[in-house]
């Protein structure tokens, strides 16, 4: 008697010839495996898993890399934002202006301090905070008189620094402090200034998929202000200083682990090479996809860190499904603007309309871009995008 089994013929016929993931962390890990292993072995040797020597070494290397006077290693990008706001004395009754089109951690960090996030629309070309809409939002908050405008927190979305010159002018007119949410842009620059030096205080993330990513959560706060840096160092260790038990101020448990610092030290040595590879891929995508879809637009003088390569495309969801069927991984960053999130409903007043953010949420689609992406994979992504649209 012949045993019948489900024939995989149709699956074999329709399966994509090549699969390209949105991220592939294994390739970099394999490339750096031996060197990272040596660094981790040193940590296992001295067993200083909290505030081991690698943490201070990493901080000094980060300072040298971006040119900031102080780099403070912390537990995550979100915690970096919270601590930056705490160091500035932000709290209940204060308004912090954030872009509506970004990840929820930006507004979430504001709410965690007791302050109120106020949502600002973004620029249609850069996807970053609109200075013109910031002016509108500040005026409306001032007119209502319920909150005290305190901080502007632009986000360097997808790796491109926000327009700090224009935003800084608006902030200065209203006596507001600028805090840079640079979670996605470390390694980027504007002219000869690197990310980490664009604002009075900046925060970044070392989440694994970021351009400089660890093997878990991590982040850093950058500032040229001695007082602010000292405050962040207090905050990250329960408000304690040195080995004393007295809490000098309210703080958090927000240190960067020694193991993460060890990994990041190795990755920082390769960082410029990896950034160059990302930028090369972005240039190829630009050249091949311009006119097919709306490719990213960088402002003059800006070098992006290319945390994500994000298109605007009509019928986005259908295109994304076609790409998935063809073996191309994509991402949606972000399918819902912040003023539409249930968590932030208490901060939205009336029928808030932020049209650019709302449209981008329907249009954006991110393609694979990481340093170890191979040429045949890049060609496959390009061919399938052209086919899908």
Foldseek 3Di string as FASTA:
>chain_A
DDDDDDDCVVVVVLAAPDFDAQDDLVVVCVVCVVQLVVLVVVCVVVVCFFPDPLQVVLFVVLCVVQVFPGKAKWFALLVLLLLLCVLQVDAAQEEEEEEQQFDPSVQVSNVVRHYFYDYFFPDLAARKGDLVRVLVRVVVCVVVVRGHYAEYEIECPQFWFDPLVSNVVSCVVSVYFYEYSDQQHQVKAFAPGGPLESGQKYKYWQPPLHLQHFPHTMIIMGHNDPSSNVSSVCQCCQCDDDPDPDRPDGHHVIHDTSSRSSRSVSVVVCSVVFQVLLVVLLVVCCVLCVVVWAWHDHDPRIRGSRSWGKTFDPPVVQLQVQCVSNNWHKDQSALGGNCPDPVNVVNDDDPDDRPSSNNCSVTMMTGRGTNPDDPVNSVSSSVSSSVSD
